[in-house]
Amino acid sequence: MSGESLVSYVNGEWVPRAEARISIFDVGFLRGDGVFDTTSAWGGRIFKLDAHLERLVLSLRAARIPCPVPREELRAIIVETARRSGLANAYIQTIVTRGALPLGVRDLTQCRPGLIVFVVPYVFILTPEQIRAGGRATIVSTRALPAQCLDPKIKSLSRQHFDLAVLQGKAAGADVALILDLDGHVTEGPGFNLFVVRGGQLFSPPEGILMGITRQTVFELAAEHGIPAREAELTAYDVYAADETFATSTAGGIMPLVEVDGHVIGDGKPGPVSQRVHELYWALRESGRHGTPIVPDPAR
C-alpha cells in the first residue's frame, strides 16, 4: 500500500496522510509536551488495545493533560482509523498533545489538547532477518532520565535522549542501543524493554522503564508455560554474562540479541528460551486472542 492511500485522524477529522497537519503553536510540537501510545494490528486484529488505552490514560493523568474525548470514543476512533487504513498488519500510534495556547497566553491550563491517530504498515525495530539471526547492541553513554525528572512510565513525546542513544548506537555499528541509569543499572532501549536469560530463567529490569505491554505479555506467557521469570536489577555485567538476551516491543515482538559491545552472548545465536518465547508470542498474535477486530464480524 502506498502512503498516499493512508488516512490519519487529526483533531476531529480523518484526512489523507499527505494533508495531516497540526499547528506550529501546539506545545506538543514546540516542547514535546504530550504523550502517546503505540499498538499494532496483526491479521486484522489490534493486540491488547484496552491495555494500551489504559497505559495512555495513566500517562495523561500523570502529565496533567485532559483526554480530548471519552475513552470509549477514543477506542472507536483508533479502530476506525485502522479500518480506513486497509492494513491487516499495521503500526498504530495515538498521540495526545497539550495543545495550543490562545495568542499571548502562557497559562498551560488554557490549552485545548490535540488528538492524532495514524496508521502505517507494521514496523520492526529489527528486521525479520535480523530477528532470525540475532541483533547486535551497544550500551551507550546517554543515560536514562531519572524518575525524579520525568518518570519513564509516562510515554512522553520528550524523547530526544532516545534519539541521541539511537544515533550513538548507529555510529558504533550496532543495530540497537541499550541505556543505563545514573547508577549503572540497565533500563531499556529506545522503544523496547530488555530481558536476559540465565540458567533458563528470565530477568527484566524493574524500574526506570516504560512498563511495556509486550514485556508484560512475556511475563504472562512465561507463567502460562512454566518458564521462570522475575524482575531484577541488572548491570552491564549481567548482560555480557547472560546465556541469552532479547528485546521486547510492539514494533517487532521478541528480538534476540546475540552481541553486546562486542561480547558474544551465549553461542552467538538466538538461544532456545528466546526462540521459545518468540514462538509463543507470535502464536498468541496469530490466534487472535486479546485481539480487537478492525472490521466487525458480520456474523455477530
Protein backbone atom coordinates (compact mmCIF):
# COMPACT_ATOMS: atom_id res chain seq x y z
CA MET A 1 0.00 0.00 0.00
CA SER A 2 1.29 3.47 -0.88
CA GLY A 3 1.50 6.17 1.76
CA GLU A 4 -0.88 8.31 -0.31
CA SER A 5 -3.79 5.93 0.37
CA LEU A 6 -3.42 6.06 4.17
CA VAL A 7 -5.52 8.30 6.37
CA SER A 8 -4.89 9.92 9.75
CA TYR A 9 -7.24 11.27 12.38
CA VAL A 10 -6.30 14.81 13.36
CA ASN A 11 -8.33 16.82 15.86
CA GLY A 12 -11.77 15.66 14.87
CA GLU A 13 -11.46 14.59 11.25
CA TRP A 14 -9.93 11.95 9.05
CA VAL A 15 -7.62 13.32 6.39
CA PRO A 16 -5.26 11.81 3.80
CA ARG A 17 -1.79 11.24 5.20
CA ALA A 18 -0.32 13.98 2.98
CA GLU A 19 -2.79 16.52 4.40
CA ALA A 20 -2.30 15.73 8.11
CA ARG A 21 -1.32 18.95 9.91
CA ILE A 22 -1.05 20.40 13.41
CA SER A 23 -0.48 24.00 14.48
CA ILE A 24 3.12 25.14 14.84
CA PHE A 25 1.93 26.71 18.10
CA ASP A 26 0.91 23.36 19.61
CA VAL A 27 3.24 22.86 22.58
CA GLY A 28 3.40 19.18 21.63
CA PHE A 29 5.46 20.41 18.67
CA LEU A 30 7.17 23.31 20.41
CA ARG A 31 8.25 21.43 23.57
CA GLY A 32 7.49 17.75 23.06
CA ASP A 33 4.70 18.29 25.60
CA GLY A 34 2.38 15.36 25.03
CA VAL A 35 2.01 11.64 25.45
CA PHE A 36 1.41 8.78 23.07
CA ASP A 37 0.87 5.08 22.86
CA THR A 38 1.54 2.59 20.12
CA THR A 39 -0.29 -0.60 19.41
CA SER A 40 -0.37 -2.83 16.38
CA ALA A 41 -2.66 -4.96 14.29
CA TRP A 42 -1.76 -8.41 13.04
CA GLY A 43 -4.07 -10.43 10.85
CA GLY A 44 -6.69 -7.71 11.06
CA ARG A 45 -6.83 -7.59 14.89
CA ILE A 46 -5.44 -4.91 17.21
CA PHE A 47 -3.49 -6.58 20.01
CA LYS A 48 -4.33 -5.69 23.62
CA LEU A 49 -5.99 -2.43 22.65
CA ASP A 50 -7.57 -1.94 26.08
CA ALA A 51 -4.22 -2.40 27.85
CA HIS A 52 -2.69 0.24 25.57
CA LEU A 53 -5.60 2.59 26.22
CA GLU A 54 -5.20 2.12 29.97
CA ARG A 55 -1.50 2.98 29.73
CA LEU A 56 -2.31 6.07 27.64
CA VAL A 57 -4.91 7.24 30.17
CA LEU A 58 -2.41 6.78 33.01
CA SER A 59 0.24 8.75 31.09
CA LEU A 60 -2.29 11.56 30.51
CA ARG A 61 -3.23 11.59 34.17
CA ALA A 62 0.41 11.78 35.28
CA ALA A 63 1.16 14.52 32.72
CA ARG A 64 -1.94 16.54 33.68
CA ILE A 65 -3.28 16.52 30.14
CA PRO A 66 -7.06 16.07 29.81
CA CYS A 67 -8.14 13.32 27.43
CA PRO A 68 -9.73 15.12 24.45
CA VAL A 69 -12.59 12.59 24.12
CA PRO A 70 -14.18 9.94 26.35
CA ARG A 71 -12.26 6.67 26.50
CA GLU A 72 -14.79 4.62 24.53
CA GLU A 73 -14.89 7.27 21.81
CA LEU A 74 -11.09 7.23 21.66
CA ARG A 75 -11.19 3.46 21.31
CA ALA A 76 -13.68 3.75 18.44
CA ILE A 77 -11.52 6.39 16.70
CA ILE A 78 -8.46 4.12 16.84
CA VAL A 79 -10.37 1.15 15.44
CA GLU A 80 -11.97 3.27 12.71
CA THR A 81 -8.64 4.80 11.70
CA ALA A 82 -7.19 1.30 11.44
CA ARG A 83 -10.20 0.16 9.41
CA ARG A 84 -9.83 3.05 6.97
CA SER A 85 -6.14 2.22 6.51
CA GLY A 86 -6.98 -1.13 4.91
CA LEU A 87 -3.90 -2.73 6.50
CA ALA A 88 -4.20 -6.15 8.15
CA ASN A 89 -0.71 -5.80 9.71
CA ALA A 90 -0.29 -2.27 10.98
CA TYR A 91 1.52 0.01 13.42
CA ILE A 92 -0.97 2.34 15.10
CA GLN A 93 0.06 5.43 17.05
CA THR A 94 -2.21 7.58 19.20
CA ILE A 95 -0.85 10.98 20.28
CA VAL A 96 -2.37 13.48 22.69
CA THR A 97 -0.64 16.86 22.76
CA ARG A 98 -1.18 19.52 25.38
CA GLY A 99 -2.40 21.71 22.53
CA ALA A 100 -2.02 25.34 21.55
CA LEU A 101 -2.35 28.35 23.83
CA PRO A 102 -4.52 31.34 22.99
CA LEU A 103 -2.46 34.16 21.49
CA GLY A 104 -0.35 35.92 24.12
CA VAL A 105 -1.29 33.48 26.92
CA ARG A 106 1.26 31.45 28.91
CA ASP A 107 -1.13 29.60 31.23
CA LEU A 108 -0.86 25.93 30.19
CA THR A 109 -4.24 25.16 31.72
CA GLN A 110 -5.75 27.20 28.87
CA CYS A 111 -4.50 24.74 26.25
CA ARG A 112 -7.01 22.62 24.37
CA PRO A 113 -5.48 19.14 23.94
CA GLY A 114 -4.98 17.76 20.46
CA LEU A 115 -5.61 14.20 19.29
CA ILE A 116 -3.81 12.43 16.45
CA VAL A 117 -4.11 8.80 15.36
CA PHE A 118 -2.13 7.45 12.44
CA VAL A 119 -1.66 4.02 10.93
CA VAL A 120 1.25 2.79 8.82
CA PRO A 121 2.42 -0.67 7.74
CA TYR A 122 3.71 -2.76 10.65
CA VAL A 123 7.10 -1.54 11.92
CA PHE A 124 10.01 -3.76 13.03
CA ILE A 125 12.84 -2.35 15.18
CA LEU A 126 14.92 -5.28 13.92
CA THR A 127 14.02 -6.72 10.54
CA PRO A 128 12.65 -10.27 10.41
CA GLU A 129 16.04 -11.35 9.05
CA GLN A 130 17.87 -9.70 11.96
CA ILE A 131 15.47 -11.33 14.43
CA ARG A 132 16.20 -14.78 12.97
CA ALA A 133 19.97 -14.22 13.11
CA GLY A 134 20.02 -12.12 16.29
CA GLY A 135 20.76 -8.42 16.59
CA ARG A 136 23.82 -6.53 17.82
CA ALA A 137 23.59 -3.96 20.61
CA THR A 138 25.79 -1.43 22.34
CA ILE A 139 25.45 0.26 25.72
CA VAL A 140 25.52 3.99 25.02
CA SER A 141 26.78 6.89 27.12
CA THR A 142 23.40 8.65 27.10
CA ARG A 143 21.69 7.89 30.40
CA ALA A 144 18.05 7.29 31.20
CA LEU A 145 16.04 10.19 32.58
CA PRO A 146 15.61 9.79 36.36
CA ALA A 147 12.06 9.31 37.57
CA GLN A 148 12.56 12.45 39.67
CA CYS A 149 12.79 14.43 36.40
CA LEU A 150 10.43 12.64 34.01
CA ASP A 151 9.19 9.20 35.04
CA PRO A 152 9.80 6.72 32.18
CA LYS A 153 6.40 5.18 32.94
CA ILE A 154 4.93 8.25 31.21
CA LYS A 155 5.11 7.50 27.50
CA SER A 156 6.11 11.06 26.69
CA LEU A 157 6.84 12.78 23.40
CA SER A 158 10.00 14.17 25.05
CA ARG A 159 12.37 11.57 23.64
CA GLN A 160 15.50 13.37 22.45
CA HIS A 161 17.63 11.27 24.82
CA PHE A 162 16.31 8.19 22.98
CA ASP A 163 17.21 9.74 19.63
CA LEU A 164 20.73 10.51 20.85
CA ALA A 165 21.06 6.91 22.03
CA VAL A 166 19.88 5.60 18.65
CA LEU A 167 22.35 7.81 16.79
CA GLN A 168 25.25 6.78 19.04
CA GLY A 169 24.33 3.13 18.54
CA LYS A 170 24.22 3.55 14.77
CA ALA A 171 27.58 5.35 14.80
CA ALA A 172 29.04 2.37 16.69
CA GLY A 173 27.73 -0.03 14.04
CA ALA A 174 25.13 -1.60 16.34
CA ASP A 175 21.54 -2.45 15.47
CA VAL A 176 20.10 -1.14 18.75
CA ALA A 177 21.17 0.85 21.81
CA LEU A 178 20.86 -0.12 25.47
CA ILE A 179 20.58 2.59 28.13
CA LEU A 180 21.82 2.60 31.74
CA ASP A 181 20.51 4.74 34.59
CA LEU A 182 22.71 7.10 36.59
CA ASP A 183 23.66 4.25 38.96
CA GLY A 184 24.81 1.95 36.16
CA HIS A 185 21.73 -0.30 36.07
CA VAL A 186 20.33 -1.45 32.75
CA THR A 187 16.96 0.15 31.99
CA GLU A 188 15.66 -0.23 28.42
CA GLY A 189 16.37 0.74 24.85
CA PRO A 190 14.76 3.37 22.62
CA GLY A 191 11.32 1.84 22.14
CA PHE A 192 11.90 -1.56 23.74
CA ASN A 193 12.33 -3.41 27.04
CA LEU A 194 15.07 -5.94 27.79
CA PHE A 195 15.26 -9.48 29.19
CA VAL A 196 18.30 -11.60 29.98
CA VAL A 197 18.26 -15.37 30.41
CA ARG A 198 20.45 -17.19 32.93
CA GLY A 199 20.01 -20.88 33.71
CA GLY A 200 16.70 -20.98 31.86
CA GLN A 201 15.22 -18.13 33.93
CA LEU A 202 14.09 -14.75 32.59
CA PHE A 203 15.10 -11.48 34.26
CA SER A 204 13.95 -7.96 33.36
CA PRO A 205 14.73 -4.59 35.00
CA PRO A 206 12.05 -3.46 37.48
CA GLU A 207 12.47 0.32 37.45
CA GLY A 208 13.43 3.24 35.24
CA ILE A 209 11.49 1.81 32.31
CA LEU A 210 8.28 2.09 30.39
CA MET A 211 6.02 -0.73 31.55
CA GLY A 212 5.84 -2.31 28.12
CA ILE A 213 2.76 -4.23 27.02
CA THR A 214 4.95 -6.73 25.16
CA ARG A 215 7.14 -7.06 28.27
CA GLN A 216 4.05 -7.83 30.35
CA THR A 217 2.91 -10.32 27.72
CA VAL A 218 6.23 -12.17 28.09
CA PHE A 219 5.68 -12.45 31.85
CA GLU A 220 2.15 -13.77 31.20
CA LEU A 221 3.39 -16.32 28.64
CA ALA A 222 6.18 -17.39 30.99
CA ALA A 223 3.68 -18.02 33.80
CA GLU A 224 1.36 -19.89 31.45
CA HIS A 225 4.09 -22.15 30.05
CA GLY A 226 6.22 -22.77 33.14
CA ILE A 227 9.18 -20.54 32.31
CA PRO A 228 10.68 -18.98 35.48
CA ALA A 229 10.63 -15.20 35.19
CA ARG A 230 11.05 -12.27 37.56
CA GLU A 231 12.14 -8.67 37.80
CA ALA A 232 15.72 -7.97 38.89
CA GLU A 233 18.20 -5.11 38.80
CA LEU A 234 20.76 -5.74 36.06
CA THR A 235 24.13 -4.21 35.23
CA ALA A 236 26.21 -4.39 32.06
CA TYR A 237 27.92 -7.45 33.59
CA ASP A 238 24.59 -9.31 33.70
CA VAL A 239 24.01 -8.59 30.04
CA TYR A 240 27.53 -9.59 28.96
CA ALA A 241 27.42 -12.79 31.05
CA ALA A 242 23.89 -13.80 30.06
CA ASP A 243 23.11 -17.08 28.36
CA GLU A 244 20.66 -15.19 26.16
CA THR A 245 19.36 -11.65 25.79
CA PHE A 246 16.29 -10.38 23.97
CA ALA A 247 14.38 -7.14 23.48
CA THR A 248 10.60 -6.79 23.50
CA SER A 249 8.48 -4.21 21.72
CA THR A 250 5.20 -3.67 19.91
CA ALA A 251 7.48 -2.95 16.94
CA GLY A 252 8.83 -6.44 16.32
CA GLY A 253 7.73 -8.56 19.26
CA ILE A 254 10.57 -10.71 20.64
CA MET A 255 14.00 -9.77 19.27
CA PRO A 256 17.06 -11.84 20.28
CA LEU A 257 20.37 -10.01 20.76
CA VAL A 258 23.50 -12.08 20.17
CA GLU A 259 26.22 -9.46 20.67
CA VAL A 260 26.53 -6.52 23.08
CA ASP A 261 29.58 -4.21 22.95
CA GLY A 262 31.50 -6.93 21.11
CA HIS A 263 30.65 -9.54 23.77
CA VAL A 264 29.16 -12.62 22.13
CA ILE A 265 26.05 -13.66 24.06
CA GLY A 266 25.85 -17.42 24.58
CA ASP A 267 26.95 -19.19 21.42
CA GLY A 268 26.27 -16.16 19.23
CA LYS A 269 22.88 -17.41 18.03
CA PRO A 270 19.33 -16.85 19.30
CA GLY A 271 19.04 -19.25 22.27
CA PRO A 272 16.34 -21.84 22.96
CA VAL A 273 14.48 -19.78 25.57
CA SER A 274 14.41 -16.68 23.36
CA GLN A 275 13.21 -18.74 20.43
CA ARG A 276 10.50 -20.40 22.51
CA VAL A 277 9.23 -17.06 23.81
CA HIS A 278 9.31 -15.70 20.24
CA GLU A 279 7.22 -18.64 19.01
CA LEU A 280 4.75 -18.36 21.90
CA TYR A 281 4.34 -14.63 21.33
CA TRP A 282 3.63 -14.90 17.62
CA ALA A 283 1.34 -17.90 18.13
CA LEU A 284 -0.62 -15.67 20.51
CA ARG A 285 -0.76 -12.88 17.94
CA GLU A 286 -1.82 -15.26 15.18
CA SER A 287 -4.52 -16.79 17.40
CA GLY A 288 -6.44 -13.54 17.65
CA ARG A 289 -6.59 -13.82 21.44
CA HIS A 290 -6.60 -10.37 23.04
CA GLY A 291 -7.40 -9.06 19.56
CA THR A 292 -9.91 -6.34 18.62
CA PRO A 293 -11.15 -6.86 15.05
CA ILE A 294 -10.55 -3.92 12.74
CA VAL A 295 -13.52 -4.97 10.62
CA PRO A 296 -16.54 -6.11 12.70
CA ASP A 297 -17.53 -9.77 12.35
CA PRO A 298 -20.71 -9.78 10.18
CA ALA A 299 -21.89 -12.95 11.99
CA ARG A 300 -22.19 -11.10 15.31
